[in-house]
Amino acid sequence: MSVGALGDYLLAVDLGGTKVATALMGVDGEILLRKEEPTCHMGPQPGIDQIAGLLEDLQATGKAAAS
């Protein structure tokens, strides 16, 4: 899966009651990478940490794929 030069891209989050889905997308809307896991139900801060971790993983994977 090619991510290109990773210059212009978007990070997306779909937060639901059963899962959190994140995506690295091109500005044209194409989903380049996707990651999801069950929603954390241990309180607000762990939920925020979960989302941040998923987005960080996508960024790292995208940068590795682009090099």
Protein backbone atom coordinates (compact mmCIF):
# COMPACT_ATOMS: atom_id res chain seq x y z
CA MET A 1 0.00 0.00 0.00
CA SER A 2 1.54 3.26 -1.10
CA VAL A 3 1.11 6.38 1.00
CA GLY A 4 3.01 8.71 -1.31
CA ALA A 5 5.16 11.49 0.09
CA LEU A 6 2.83 11.99 3.06
CA GLY A 7 2.67 15.71 2.41
CA ASP A 8 -1.07 16.40 2.46
CA TYR A 9 -3.25 13.94 4.28
CA LEU A 10 -6.10 13.79 6.76
CA LEU A 11 -6.60 11.80 9.93
CA ALA A 12 -10.16 10.64 10.59
CA VAL A 13 -11.80 9.19 13.71
CA ASP A 14 -15.08 7.29 14.01
CA LEU A 15 -15.85 6.90 17.71
CA GLY A 16 -18.63 4.49 18.48
CA GLY A 17 -19.95 2.53 21.43
CA THR A 18 -18.36 -0.73 20.31
CA LYS A 19 -15.31 0.33 18.28
CA VAL A 20 -12.98 3.20 17.48
CA ALA A 21 -11.94 3.37 13.83
CA THR A 22 -9.21 5.67 12.54
CA ALA A 23 -7.98 6.31 9.04
CA LEU A 24 -5.18 8.06 7.21
CA MET A 25 -6.74 9.58 4.10
CA GLY A 26 -5.58 11.47 1.07
CA VAL A 27 -7.12 14.89 0.53
CA ASP A 28 -9.15 13.29 -2.27
CA GLY A 29 -10.91 11.10 0.35
CA GLU A 30 -9.09 7.87 -0.50
CA ILE A 31 -8.46 5.76 2.61
CA LEU A 32 -4.75 4.93 2.61
CA LEU A 33 -4.51 3.16 5.98
CA ARG A 34 -7.12 2.08 8.50
CA LYS A 35 -6.96 0.87 12.08
CA GLU A 36 -9.69 -0.04 14.56
CA GLU A 37 -10.12 -1.61 17.97
CA PRO A 38 -12.88 -2.04 20.57
CA THR A 39 -13.89 1.19 22.33
CA CYS A 40 -12.24 1.75 25.70
CA HIS A 41 -14.90 2.04 28.43
CA MET A 42 -12.59 2.96 31.33
CA GLY A 43 -13.35 6.70 31.38
CA PRO A 44 -12.70 9.84 29.36
CA GLN A 45 -8.90 10.07 29.65
CA PRO A 46 -8.21 6.44 28.71
CA GLY A 47 -10.57 6.91 25.75
CA ILE A 48 -8.68 10.01 24.61
CA ASP A 49 -5.41 8.14 25.06
CA GLN A 50 -6.77 5.29 22.94
CA ILE A 51 -7.68 7.63 20.08
CA ALA A 52 -4.34 9.45 20.28
CA GLY A 53 -2.49 6.11 20.23
CA LEU A 54 -4.38 4.88 17.18
CA LEU A 55 -3.67 8.13 15.32
CA GLU A 56 0.01 8.03 16.28
CA ASP A 57 0.22 4.44 15.00
CA LEU A 58 -1.32 5.48 11.68
CA GLN A 59 1.13 8.37 11.32
CA ALA A 60 4.11 6.13 12.08
CA THR A 61 2.92 3.43 9.69
CA GLY A 62 2.28 6.01 6.97
CA LYS A 63 5.71 7.58 7.37
CA ALA A 64 7.38 4.15 7.26
CA ALA A 65 5.43 3.20 4.13
CA ALA A 66 6.37 6.49 2.44
CA SER A 67 10.11 6.02 2.94
